[in-house]
All heavy atoms as atom14 arrays in JSON, in Angstrom:
{
  "sequence": "SLFDEEQIIKSFIKSERHDEARETAERMIKMGKLSLDEISL",
  "atom14_mask": [
    [1, 1, 1, 1, 1, 1, 0, 0, 0, 0, 0, 0, 0, 0],
    [1, 1, 1, 1, 1, 1, 1, 1, 0, 0, 0, 0, 0, 0],
    [1, 1, 1, 1, 1, 1, 1, 1, 1, 1, 1, 0, 0, 0],
    [1, 1, 1, 1, 1, 1, 1, 1, 0, 0, 0, 0, 0, 0],
    [1, 1, 1, 1, 1, 1, 1, 1, 1, 0, 0, 0, 0, 0],
    [1, 1, 1, 1, 1, 1, 1, 1, 1, 0, 0, 0, 0, 0],
    [1, 1, 1, 1, 1, 1, 1, 1, 1, 0, 0, 0, 0, 0],
    [1, 1, 1, 1, 1, 1, 1, 1, 0, 0, 0, 0, 0, 0],
    [1, 1, 1, 1, 1, 1, 1, 1, 0, 0, 0, 0, 0, 0],
    [1, 1, 1, 1, 1, 1, 1, 1, 1, 0, 0, 0, 0, 0],
    [1, 1, 1, 1, 1, 1, 0, 0, 0, 0, 0, 0, 0, 0],
    [1, 1, 1, 1, 1, 1, 1, 1, 1, 1, 1, 0, 0, 0],
    [1, 1, 1, 1, 1, 1, 1, 1, 0, 0, 0, 0, 0, 0],
    [1, 1, 1, 1, 1, 1, 1, 1, 1, 0, 0, 0, 0, 0],
    [1, 1, 1, 1, 1, 1, 0, 0, 0, 0, 0, 0, 0, 0],
    [1, 1, 1, 1, 1, 1, 1, 1, 1, 0, 0, 0, 0, 0],
    [1, 1, 1, 1, 1, 1, 1, 1, 1, 1, 1, 0, 0, 0],
    [1, 1, 1, 1, 1, 1, 1, 1, 1, 1, 0, 0, 0, 0],
    [1, 1, 1, 1, 1, 1, 1, 1, 0, 0, 0, 0, 0, 0],
    [1, 1, 1, 1, 1, 1, 1, 1, 1, 0, 0, 0, 0, 0],
    [1, 1, 1, 1, 1, 0, 0, 0, 0, 0, 0, 0, 0, 0],
    [1, 1, 1, 1, 1, 1, 1, 1, 1, 1, 1, 0, 0, 0],
    [1, 1, 1, 1, 1, 1, 1, 1, 1, 0, 0, 0, 0, 0],
    [1, 1, 1, 1, 1, 1, 1, 0, 0, 0, 0, 0, 0, 0],
    [1, 1, 1, 1, 1, 0, 0, 0, 0, 0, 0, 0, 0, 0],
    [1, 1, 1, 1, 1, 1, 1, 1, 1, 0, 0, 0, 0, 0],
    [1, 1, 1, 1, 1, 1, 1, 1, 1, 1, 1, 0, 0, 0],
    [1, 1, 1, 1, 1, 1, 1, 1, 0, 0, 0, 0, 0, 0],
    [1, 1, 1, 1, 1, 1, 1, 1, 0, 0, 0, 0, 0, 0],
    [1, 1, 1, 1, 1, 1, 1, 1, 1, 0, 0, 0, 0, 0],
    [1, 1, 1, 1, 1, 1, 1, 1, 0, 0, 0, 0, 0, 0],
    [1, 1, 1, 1, 0, 0, 0, 0, 0, 0, 0, 0, 0, 0],
    [1, 1, 1, 1, 1, 1, 1, 1, 1, 0, 0, 0, 0, 0],
    [1, 1, 1, 1, 1, 1, 1, 1, 0, 0, 0, 0, 0, 0],
    [1, 1, 1, 1, 1, 1, 0, 0, 0, 0, 0, 0, 0, 0],
    [1, 1, 1, 1, 1, 1, 1, 1, 0, 0, 0, 0, 0, 0],
    [1, 1, 1, 1, 1, 1, 1, 1, 0, 0, 0, 0, 0, 0],
    [1, 1, 1, 1, 1, 1, 1, 1, 1, 0, 0, 0, 0, 0],
    [1, 1, 1, 1, 1, 1, 1, 1, 0, 0, 0, 0, 0, 0],
    [1, 1, 1, 1, 1, 1, 0, 0, 0, 0, 0, 0, 0, 0],
    [1, 1, 1, 1, 1, 1, 1, 1, 0, 0, 0, 0, 0, 0]
  ],
  "atom14_positions": [
    [[105.85, 90.52, 97.51], [106.54, 90.85, 96.27], [106.39, 92.32, 95.96], [107.31, 92.95, 95.42], [106.07, 89.97, 95.12], [104.76, 90.3, 94.74], [0.0, 0.0, 0.0], [0.0, 0.0, 0.0], [0.0, 0.0, 0.0], [0.0, 0.0, 0.0], [0.0, 0.0, 0.0], [0.0, 0.0, 0.0], [0.0, 0.0, 0.0], [0.0, 0.0, 0.0]],
    [[105.24, 92.92, 96.3], [105.07, 94.36, 96.11], [106.04, 95.12, 96.99], [106.6, 96.13, 96.59], [103.62, 94.77, 96.39], [102.57, 94.26, 95.42], [101.17, 94.63, 95.91], [102.82, 94.78, 94.04], [0.0, 0.0, 0.0], [0.0, 0.0, 0.0], [0.0, 0.0, 0.0], [0.0, 0.0, 0.0], [0.0, 0.0, 0.0], [0.0, 0.0, 0.0]],
    [[106.22, 94.66, 98.23], [107.18, 95.3, 99.13], [108.57, 95.22, 98.52], [109.32, 96.19, 98.53], [107.23, 94.6, 100.49], [106.05, 94.89, 101.38], [105.9, 94.17, 102.55], [105.13, 95.86, 101.1], [104.85, 94.42, 103.4], [104.06, 96.13, 101.94], [103.92, 95.39, 103.1], [0.0, 0.0, 0.0], [0.0, 0.0, 0.0], [0.0, 0.0, 0.0]],
    [[108.93, 94.04, 98.04], [110.27, 93.83, 97.46], [110.49, 94.77, 96.29], [111.55, 95.39, 96.17], [110.45, 92.38, 97.02], [110.52, 91.42, 98.2], [110.72, 91.87, 99.33], [110.34, 90.21, 97.97], [0.0, 0.0, 0.0], [0.0, 0.0, 0.0], [0.0, 0.0, 0.0], [0.0, 0.0, 0.0], [0.0, 0.0, 0.0], [0.0, 0.0, 0.0]],
    [[109.48, 94.89, 95.41], [109.6, 95.8, 94.25], [109.76, 97.24, 94.72], [110.58, 97.99, 94.21], [108.38, 95.68, 93.35], [108.35, 94.39, 92.53], [107.1, 94.28, 91.69], [106.5, 95.31, 91.34], [106.73, 93.14, 91.37], [0.0, 0.0, 0.0], [0.0, 0.0, 0.0], [0.0, 0.0, 0.0], [0.0, 0.0, 0.0], [0.0, 0.0, 0.0]],
    [[108.98, 97.62, 95.72], [109.05, 98.99, 96.24], [110.43, 99.27, 96.83], [111.01, 100.32, 96.63], [107.95, 99.22, 97.28], [107.88, 100.66, 97.72], [106.68, 100.91, 98.63], [105.63, 100.27, 98.46], [106.82, 101.79, 99.5], [0.0, 0.0, 0.0], [0.0, 0.0, 0.0], [0.0, 0.0, 0.0], [0.0, 0.0, 0.0], [0.0, 0.0, 0.0]],
    [[110.96, 98.28, 97.58], [112.28, 98.44, 98.18], [113.36, 98.57, 97.11], [114.29, 99.35, 97.24], [112.6, 97.29, 99.12], [111.78, 97.28, 100.4], [111.89, 98.57, 101.15], [111.01, 99.4, 101.15], [113.0, 98.78, 101.82], [0.0, 0.0, 0.0], [0.0, 0.0, 0.0], [0.0, 0.0, 0.0], [0.0, 0.0, 0.0], [0.0, 0.0, 0.0]],
    [[113.25, 97.79, 96.04], [114.21, 97.85, 94.93], [114.16, 99.23, 94.29], [115.21, 99.84, 94.02], [113.92, 96.73, 93.9], [114.29, 95.38, 94.48], [114.67, 97.0, 92.61], [113.77, 94.21, 93.68], [0.0, 0.0, 0.0], [0.0, 0.0, 0.0], [0.0, 0.0, 0.0], [0.0, 0.0, 0.0], [0.0, 0.0, 0.0], [0.0, 0.0, 0.0]],
    [[112.98, 99.74, 94.05], [112.83, 101.06, 93.44], [113.42, 102.14, 94.35], [114.17, 103.0, 93.9], [111.36, 101.34, 93.09], [110.92, 100.42, 91.95], [111.15, 102.81, 92.74], [109.43, 100.42, 91.68], [0.0, 0.0, 0.0], [0.0, 0.0, 0.0], [0.0, 0.0, 0.0], [0.0, 0.0, 0.0], [0.0, 0.0, 0.0], [0.0, 0.0, 0.0]],
    [[113.08, 102.07, 95.64], [113.62, 103.07, 96.58], [115.14, 103.01, 96.64], [115.82, 104.02, 96.67], [113.05, 102.83, 97.99], [111.63, 103.33, 98.16], [111.14, 103.09, 99.56], [109.71, 103.58, 99.74], [109.19, 103.3, 101.07], [0.0, 0.0, 0.0], [0.0, 0.0, 0.0], [0.0, 0.0, 0.0], [0.0, 0.0, 0.0], [0.0, 0.0, 0.0]],
    [[115.69, 101.78, 96.64], [117.14, 101.63, 96.67], [117.77, 102.2, 95.43], [118.82, 102.85, 95.48], [117.48, 100.15, 96.82], [118.84, 99.95, 96.8], [0.0, 0.0, 0.0], [0.0, 0.0, 0.0], [0.0, 0.0, 0.0], [0.0, 0.0, 0.0], [0.0, 0.0, 0.0], [0.0, 0.0, 0.0], [0.0, 0.0, 0.0], [0.0, 0.0, 0.0]],
    [[117.17, 101.95, 94.27], [117.67, 102.46, 93.0], [117.68, 104.0, 93.02], [118.67, 104.63, 92.63], [116.85, 101.95, 91.83], [117.23, 102.54, 90.51], [118.38, 102.13, 89.85], [116.45, 103.56, 89.92], [118.75, 102.69, 88.65], [116.82, 104.11, 88.71], [117.98, 103.67, 88.07], [0.0, 0.0, 0.0], [0.0, 0.0, 0.0], [0.0, 0.0, 0.0]],
    [[116.59, 104.59, 93.46], [116.49, 106.06, 93.51], [117.55, 106.62, 94.44], [118.22, 107.59, 94.11], [115.07, 106.5, 93.91], [114.08, 106.17, 92.79], [115.02, 107.99, 94.26], [112.63, 106.32, 93.17], [0.0, 0.0, 0.0], [0.0, 0.0, 0.0], [0.0, 0.0, 0.0], [0.0, 0.0, 0.0], [0.0, 0.0, 0.0], [0.0, 0.0, 0.0]],
    [[117.71, 106.0, 95.59], [118.71, 106.46, 96.55], [120.11, 106.38, 95.96], [120.92, 107.3, 96.09], [118.61, 105.62, 97.84], [119.51, 106.1, 98.94], [119.33, 105.26, 100.19], [120.24, 105.73, 101.29], [120.09, 104.9, 102.51], [0.0, 0.0, 0.0], [0.0, 0.0, 0.0], [0.0, 0.0, 0.0], [0.0, 0.0, 0.0], [0.0, 0.0, 0.0]],
    [[120.39, 105.29, 95.26], [121.68, 105.1, 94.62], [121.94, 106.16, 93.55], [123.03, 106.72, 93.46], [121.75, 103.71, 94.02], [122.92, 103.56, 93.25], [0.0, 0.0, 0.0], [0.0, 0.0, 0.0], [0.0, 0.0, 0.0], [0.0, 0.0, 0.0], [0.0, 0.0, 0.0], [0.0, 0.0, 0.0], [0.0, 0.0, 0.0], [0.0, 0.0, 0.0]],
    [[120.89, 106.44, 92.75], [121.01, 107.45, 91.71], [121.29, 108.83, 92.29], [122.13, 109.56, 91.8], [119.73, 107.5, 90.85], [119.58, 106.32, 89.91], [120.65, 106.3, 88.81], [120.77, 107.31, 88.11], [121.32, 105.27, 88.67], [0.0, 0.0, 0.0], [0.0, 0.0, 0.0], [0.0, 0.0, 0.0], [0.0, 0.0, 0.0], [0.0, 0.0, 0.0]],
    [[120.6, 109.15, 93.37], [120.8, 110.45, 94.02], [122.2, 110.56, 94.6], [122.85, 111.61, 94.52], [119.76, 110.67, 95.12], [118.39, 110.96, 94.57], [117.38, 111.24, 95.65], [116.08, 111.51, 95.07], [114.94, 111.28, 95.68], [114.92, 110.78, 96.89], [113.79, 111.58, 95.08], [0.0, 0.0, 0.0], [0.0, 0.0, 0.0], [0.0, 0.0, 0.0]],
    [[122.68, 109.45, 95.16], [124.04, 109.44, 95.72], [125.07, 109.64, 94.61], [126.03, 110.4, 94.77], [124.3, 108.15, 96.48], [125.58, 108.13, 97.21], [126.74, 107.6, 96.66], [125.94, 108.61, 98.43], [127.73, 107.75, 97.52], [127.28, 108.34, 98.61], [0.0, 0.0, 0.0], [0.0, 0.0, 0.0], [0.0, 0.0, 0.0], [0.0, 0.0, 0.0]],
    [[124.87, 108.95, 93.48], [125.78, 109.11, 92.34], [125.79, 110.54, 91.82], [126.84, 111.09, 91.52], [125.41, 108.15, 91.21], [125.67, 106.69, 91.53], [126.35, 106.41, 92.57], [125.17, 105.81, 90.8], [0.0, 0.0, 0.0], [0.0, 0.0, 0.0], [0.0, 0.0, 0.0], [0.0, 0.0, 0.0], [0.0, 0.0, 0.0], [0.0, 0.0, 0.0]],
    [[124.6, 111.15, 91.76], [124.51, 112.56, 91.29], [125.24, 113.48, 92.26], [125.93, 114.41, 91.83], [123.05, 112.96, 91.15], [122.36, 112.33, 89.97], [120.87, 112.63, 89.94], [120.39, 113.47, 90.73], [120.17, 111.99, 89.14], [0.0, 0.0, 0.0], [0.0, 0.0, 0.0], [0.0, 0.0, 0.0], [0.0, 0.0, 0.0], [0.0, 0.0, 0.0]],
    [[125.09, 113.22, 93.56], [125.75, 114.05, 94.57], [127.27, 113.91, 94.43], [128.0, 114.91, 94.53], [125.28, 113.65, 95.98], [0.0, 0.0, 0.0], [0.0, 0.0, 0.0], [0.0, 0.0, 0.0], [0.0, 0.0, 0.0], [0.0, 0.0, 0.0], [0.0, 0.0, 0.0], [0.0, 0.0, 0.0], [0.0, 0.0, 0.0], [0.0, 0.0, 0.0]],
    [[127.74, 112.7, 94.21], [129.19, 112.48, 94.03], [129.71, 113.22, 92.81], [130.77, 113.83, 92.84], [129.52, 110.99, 93.94], [129.58, 110.27, 95.26], [130.03, 108.81, 95.07], [131.33, 108.67, 94.48], [132.48, 108.67, 95.15], [132.49, 108.8, 96.46], [133.64, 108.52, 94.52], [0.0, 0.0, 0.0], [0.0, 0.0, 0.0], [0.0, 0.0, 0.0]],
    [[128.95, 113.14, 91.71], [129.37, 113.82, 90.49], [129.43, 115.33, 90.69], [130.36, 115.99, 90.23], [128.41, 113.46, 89.34], [128.55, 112.03, 88.86], [127.46, 111.62, 87.89], [126.68, 112.49, 87.44], [127.36, 110.41, 87.6], [0.0, 0.0, 0.0], [0.0, 0.0, 0.0], [0.0, 0.0, 0.0], [0.0, 0.0, 0.0], [0.0, 0.0, 0.0]],
    [[128.44, 115.86, 91.4], [128.42, 117.3, 91.68], [129.62, 117.68, 92.53], [130.33, 118.65, 92.22], [127.11, 117.69, 92.41], [126.01, 117.38, 91.54], [127.1, 119.17, 92.77], [0.0, 0.0, 0.0], [0.0, 0.0, 0.0], [0.0, 0.0, 0.0], [0.0, 0.0, 0.0], [0.0, 0.0, 0.0], [0.0, 0.0, 0.0], [0.0, 0.0, 0.0]],
    [[129.87, 116.95, 93.58], [130.99, 117.23, 94.48], [132.31, 117.09, 93.71], [133.23, 117.91, 93.89], [130.97, 116.29, 95.68], [0.0, 0.0, 0.0], [0.0, 0.0, 0.0], [0.0, 0.0, 0.0], [0.0, 0.0, 0.0], [0.0, 0.0, 0.0], [0.0, 0.0, 0.0], [0.0, 0.0, 0.0], [0.0, 0.0, 0.0], [0.0, 0.0, 0.0]],
    [[132.41, 116.09, 92.87], [133.64, 115.89, 92.08], [133.9, 117.11, 91.18], [135.04, 117.6, 91.1], [133.53, 114.62, 91.24], [134.78, 114.29, 90.47], [134.68, 112.98, 89.7], [133.75, 112.19, 89.95], [135.55, 112.78, 88.83], [0.0, 0.0, 0.0], [0.0, 0.0, 0.0], [0.0, 0.0, 0.0], [0.0, 0.0, 0.0], [0.0, 0.0, 0.0]],
    [[132.88, 117.62, 90.51], [133.04, 118.8, 89.66], [133.49, 120.0, 90.51], [134.36, 120.76, 90.11], [131.75, 119.12, 88.93], [131.46, 118.21, 87.76], [130.32, 118.75, 86.87], [129.1, 118.99, 87.55], [128.15, 118.08, 87.8], [128.3, 116.85, 87.36], [127.02, 118.41, 88.42], [0.0, 0.0, 0.0], [0.0, 0.0, 0.0], [0.0, 0.0, 0.0]],
    [[132.92, 120.15, 91.68], [133.29, 121.26, 92.57], [134.74, 121.15, 93.04], [135.46, 122.15, 93.07], [132.34, 121.32, 93.77], [130.91, 121.65, 93.39], [129.8, 121.46, 94.8], [129.24, 123.16, 94.94], [0.0, 0.0, 0.0], [0.0, 0.0, 0.0], [0.0, 0.0, 0.0], [0.0, 0.0, 0.0], [0.0, 0.0, 0.0], [0.0, 0.0, 0.0]],
    [[135.16, 119.93, 93.34], [136.55, 119.72, 93.78], [137.51, 120.04, 92.63], [138.51, 120.71, 92.8], [136.74, 118.27, 94.28], [135.98, 118.07, 95.61], [138.22, 117.93, 94.44], [135.87, 116.61, 96.06], [0.0, 0.0, 0.0], [0.0, 0.0, 0.0], [0.0, 0.0, 0.0], [0.0, 0.0, 0.0], [0.0, 0.0, 0.0], [0.0, 0.0, 0.0]],
    [[137.17, 119.59, 91.43], [138.0, 119.84, 90.26], [138.14, 121.33, 89.96], [139.18, 121.79, 89.52], [137.47, 119.1, 89.03], [137.72, 117.62, 89.06], [137.16, 116.93, 87.84], [137.47, 115.46, 87.87], [136.87, 114.73, 86.72], [0.0, 0.0, 0.0], [0.0, 0.0, 0.0], [0.0, 0.0, 0.0], [0.0, 0.0, 0.0], [0.0, 0.0, 0.0]],
    [[137.06, 122.08, 90.22], [137.12, 123.53, 90.0], [138.1, 124.2, 90.96], [138.72, 125.19, 90.62], [135.74, 124.16, 90.15], [134.79, 123.84, 89.01], [133.1, 124.39, 89.28], [133.31, 126.1, 89.71], [0.0, 0.0, 0.0], [0.0, 0.0, 0.0], [0.0, 0.0, 0.0], [0.0, 0.0, 0.0], [0.0, 0.0, 0.0], [0.0, 0.0, 0.0]],
    [[138.25, 123.6, 92.15], [139.21, 124.08, 93.11], [138.91, 125.43, 93.76], [139.78, 126.04, 94.36], [0.0, 0.0, 0.0], [0.0, 0.0, 0.0], [0.0, 0.0, 0.0], [0.0, 0.0, 0.0], [0.0, 0.0, 0.0], [0.0, 0.0, 0.0], [0.0, 0.0, 0.0], [0.0, 0.0, 0.0], [0.0, 0.0, 0.0], [0.0, 0.0, 0.0]],
    [[137.7, 125.88, 93.68], [137.36, 127.19, 94.22], [136.75, 127.13, 95.62], [136.67, 128.14, 96.29], [136.41, 127.91, 93.28], [137.03, 128.24, 91.94], [136.11, 129.0, 91.05], [136.83, 129.29, 89.73], [136.02, 130.11, 88.85], [0.0, 0.0, 0.0], [0.0, 0.0, 0.0], [0.0, 0.0, 0.0], [0.0, 0.0, 0.0], [0.0, 0.0, 0.0]],
    [[136.3, 125.93, 96.0], [135.63, 125.8, 97.3], [136.39, 124.8, 98.19], [136.97, 123.83, 97.71], [134.19, 125.3, 97.13], [133.24, 126.2, 96.33], [131.92, 125.48, 96.1], [133.01, 127.5, 97.06], [0.0, 0.0, 0.0], [0.0, 0.0, 0.0], [0.0, 0.0, 0.0], [0.0, 0.0, 0.0], [0.0, 0.0, 0.0], [0.0, 0.0, 0.0]],
    [[136.34, 125.03, 99.48], [136.89, 124.06, 100.43], [135.92, 122.9, 100.61], [134.75, 123.01, 100.22], [137.13, 124.74, 101.78], [135.87, 125.02, 102.39], [0.0, 0.0, 0.0], [0.0, 0.0, 0.0], [0.0, 0.0, 0.0], [0.0, 0.0, 0.0], [0.0, 0.0, 0.0], [0.0, 0.0, 0.0], [0.0, 0.0, 0.0], [0.0, 0.0, 0.0]],
    [[136.38, 121.81, 101.2], [135.49, 120.68, 101.45], [134.36, 121.08, 102.39], [133.23, 120.61, 102.26], [136.26, 119.5, 102.02], [137.18, 118.78, 101.06], [137.82, 117.55, 101.72], [136.49, 118.35, 99.78], [0.0, 0.0, 0.0], [0.0, 0.0, 0.0], [0.0, 0.0, 0.0], [0.0, 0.0, 0.0], [0.0, 0.0, 0.0], [0.0, 0.0, 0.0]],
    [[134.66, 121.97, 103.34], [133.59, 122.45, 104.25], [132.5, 123.16, 103.45], [131.31, 122.94, 103.71], [134.17, 123.42, 105.28], [134.95, 122.74, 106.39], [134.58, 121.57, 106.72], [135.91, 123.33, 106.9], [0.0, 0.0, 0.0], [0.0, 0.0, 0.0], [0.0, 0.0, 0.0], [0.0, 0.0, 0.0], [0.0, 0.0, 0.0], [0.0, 0.0, 0.0]],
    [[132.9, 123.97, 102.49], [131.91, 124.68, 101.67], [131.15, 123.73, 100.76], [129.92, 123.82, 100.62], [132.6, 125.77, 100.83], [133.16, 126.9, 101.67], [134.09, 127.8, 100.9], [134.91, 127.29, 100.1], [133.98, 129.03, 101.1], [0.0, 0.0, 0.0], [0.0, 0.0, 0.0], [0.0, 0.0, 0.0], [0.0, 0.0, 0.0], [0.0, 0.0, 0.0]],
    [[131.86, 122.76, 100.19], [131.21, 121.77, 99.32], [130.18, 120.96, 100.1], [129.09, 120.67, 99.62], [132.26, 120.85, 98.63], [133.09, 121.67, 97.64], [131.57, 119.68, 97.93], [134.28, 120.94, 97.08], [0.0, 0.0, 0.0], [0.0, 0.0, 0.0], [0.0, 0.0, 0.0], [0.0, 0.0, 0.0], [0.0, 0.0, 0.0], [0.0, 0.0, 0.0]],
    [[130.53, 120.66, 101.37], [129.6, 119.87, 102.19], [128.28, 120.61, 102.42], [127.23, 119.99, 102.63], [130.23, 119.47, 103.5], [130.39, 120.61, 104.34], [0.0, 0.0, 0.0], [0.0, 0.0, 0.0], [0.0, 0.0, 0.0], [0.0, 0.0, 0.0], [0.0, 0.0, 0.0], [0.0, 0.0, 0.0], [0.0, 0.0, 0.0], [0.0, 0.0, 0.0]],
    [[128.32, 121.94, 102.38], [127.08, 122.71, 102.49], [126.2, 122.57, 101.26], [124.98, 122.58, 101.33], [127.39, 124.2, 102.73], [128.12, 124.52, 104.02], [128.51, 125.99, 104.06], [127.26, 124.16, 105.23], [0.0, 0.0, 0.0], [0.0, 0.0, 0.0], [0.0, 0.0, 0.0], [0.0, 0.0, 0.0], [0.0, 0.0, 0.0], [0.0, 0.0, 0.0]]
  ]
}
């Protein structure tokens, strides 16, 4: 059960980081100043 809880927490953190990355990339795309290659950096 401790493993399960740890896996849930790790999954949540990974999901949150992914969502933050998407939001950042979305703002950059909306600004229209960078190419996708540049945003990927």
